[in-house]
Amino acid sequence: MRTTATAAIILIAAATPVLAISRYNPKTISCDRARAAIHEEGAVIFGYNSPRGLPIYGRYVRNSRFCEANEYAGWTAIPTKDDPRCPVLNCQRLDDIDSDPIVPLNNL
């Protein structure tokens, strides 16, 4: 009986979407919609094909709270339906900051 209850709890925990992250193709939505999705959900995955046809996937975030402890939210750009360089944030390593001891506090 105890084994059945433990198995049921594990199955329920595995089925919950708490850790799920939404995935979008940014080339099918506007820049404003892509930025709104990031802002509403905190973090999303965008997947699209590069100009050479290779798949590109990336995790984009609202701010540094959605990054690991050794990362910060830095500006980058993704292609969307209406903007080839839509400004968004992704997690970047603190080691990559150019000799500036102050970590940027960027927000989307």
Protein backbone atom coordinates (compact mmCIF):
# COMPACT_ATOMS: atom_id res chain seq x y z
CA MET A 1 0.00 0.00 0.00
CA ARG A 2 2.80 2.36 0.89
CA THR A 3 4.53 1.65 -2.42
CA THR A 4 1.34 2.43 -4.35
CA ALA A 5 0.89 5.75 -2.55
CA THR A 6 4.53 6.70 -3.19
CA ALA A 7 4.22 5.79 -6.86
CA ALA A 8 1.02 7.86 -7.17
CA ILE A 9 2.70 10.90 -5.63
CA ILE A 10 5.67 10.57 -7.99
CA LEU A 11 3.38 10.29 -11.03
CA ILE A 12 1.34 13.33 -9.99
CA ALA A 13 4.49 15.39 -9.38
CA ALA A 14 5.91 14.39 -12.75
CA ALA A 15 2.69 15.31 -14.55
CA THR A 16 2.40 18.84 -13.16
CA PRO A 17 3.28 21.62 -15.59
CA VAL A 18 4.95 23.78 -12.94
CA LEU A 19 8.37 23.45 -14.55
CA ALA A 20 7.08 23.68 -18.10
CA ILE A 21 8.37 26.49 -20.27
CA SER A 22 6.50 27.77 -23.31
CA ARG A 23 8.09 27.45 -26.74
CA TYR A 24 7.45 29.82 -29.64
CA ASN A 25 8.66 30.45 -33.16
CA PRO A 26 9.43 34.18 -33.07
CA LYS A 27 9.27 34.45 -36.87
CA THR A 28 5.52 33.85 -36.68
CA ILE A 29 4.75 36.57 -34.10
CA SER A 30 5.42 40.30 -33.80
CA CYS A 31 8.23 41.74 -31.72
CA ASP A 32 5.71 43.21 -29.27
CA ARG A 33 4.04 39.79 -28.84
CA ALA A 34 7.39 38.04 -28.33
CA ARG A 35 8.40 40.58 -25.68
CA ALA A 36 4.96 40.33 -24.04
CA ALA A 37 5.25 36.53 -23.84
CA ILE A 38 8.61 36.86 -22.08
CA HIS A 39 7.25 39.51 -19.72
CA GLU A 40 4.10 37.52 -18.87
CA GLU A 41 5.80 34.15 -18.38
CA GLY A 42 9.18 35.21 -17.03
CA ALA A 43 11.09 32.89 -19.36
CA VAL A 44 10.32 31.31 -22.74
CA ILE A 45 12.13 29.30 -25.40
CA PHE A 46 12.27 30.64 -28.94
CA GLY A 47 13.17 28.27 -31.74
CA TYR A 48 13.69 29.21 -35.38
CA ASN A 49 15.94 28.43 -38.35
CA SER A 50 19.05 30.48 -39.00
CA PRO A 51 19.59 32.05 -42.45
CA ARG A 52 21.63 28.93 -43.29
CA GLY A 53 18.74 26.66 -42.27
CA LEU A 54 20.20 25.43 -38.98
CA PRO A 55 17.85 25.26 -35.98
CA ILE A 56 18.48 27.80 -33.24
CA TYR A 57 16.94 27.51 -29.78
CA GLY A 58 17.36 29.96 -26.93
CA ARG A 59 15.91 30.75 -23.53
CA TYR A 60 14.89 34.38 -23.08
CA VAL A 61 14.02 35.99 -19.74
CA ARG A 62 12.25 38.96 -18.16
CA ASN A 63 15.17 39.83 -15.85
CA SER A 64 18.10 38.32 -13.94
CA ARG A 65 15.80 36.62 -11.43
CA PHE A 66 15.22 33.97 -14.11
CA CYS A 67 18.96 33.29 -14.55
CA GLU A 68 21.42 31.13 -12.62
CA ALA A 69 23.48 32.66 -9.80
CA ASN A 70 26.54 33.14 -12.05
CA GLU A 71 24.50 34.83 -14.83
CA TYR A 72 22.72 38.10 -15.52
CA ALA A 73 20.08 39.18 -18.06
CA GLY A 74 21.82 40.86 -20.99
CA TRP A 75 20.43 42.36 -24.18
CA THR A 76 20.39 40.41 -27.42
CA ALA A 77 18.18 40.36 -30.53
CA ILE A 78 15.99 37.76 -32.22
CA PRO A 79 14.22 37.85 -35.59
CA THR A 80 10.44 38.25 -35.43
CA LYS A 81 7.76 38.60 -38.09
CA ASP A 82 8.00 42.40 -38.12
CA ASP A 83 11.53 43.11 -36.82
CA PRO A 84 14.75 41.32 -37.80
CA ARG A 85 16.42 42.57 -34.58
CA CYS A 86 13.80 42.50 -31.83
CA PRO A 87 15.52 43.42 -28.51
CA VAL A 88 15.10 40.80 -25.76
CA LEU A 89 17.06 39.54 -22.75
CA ASN A 90 18.83 36.22 -22.29
CA CYS A 91 21.04 34.86 -19.52
CA GLN A 92 24.72 35.62 -19.98
CA ARG A 93 27.69 34.63 -17.86
CA LEU A 94 29.00 37.15 -15.33
CA ASP A 95 32.50 36.32 -16.60
CA ASP A 96 31.57 37.93 -19.94
CA ILE A 97 31.09 41.43 -18.48
CA ASP A 98 33.86 43.69 -19.79
CA SER A 99 35.84 44.43 -16.60
CA ASP A 100 32.87 46.32 -15.11
CA PRO A 101 32.22 45.29 -11.49
CA ILE A 102 28.61 46.48 -11.64
CA VAL A 103 26.12 43.90 -12.90
CA PRO A 104 23.46 45.46 -15.15
CA LEU A 105 19.89 45.22 -13.82
CA ASN A 106 18.05 44.97 -17.15
CA ASN A 107 14.29 44.41 -17.25
CA LEU A 108 12.03 43.61 -20.15
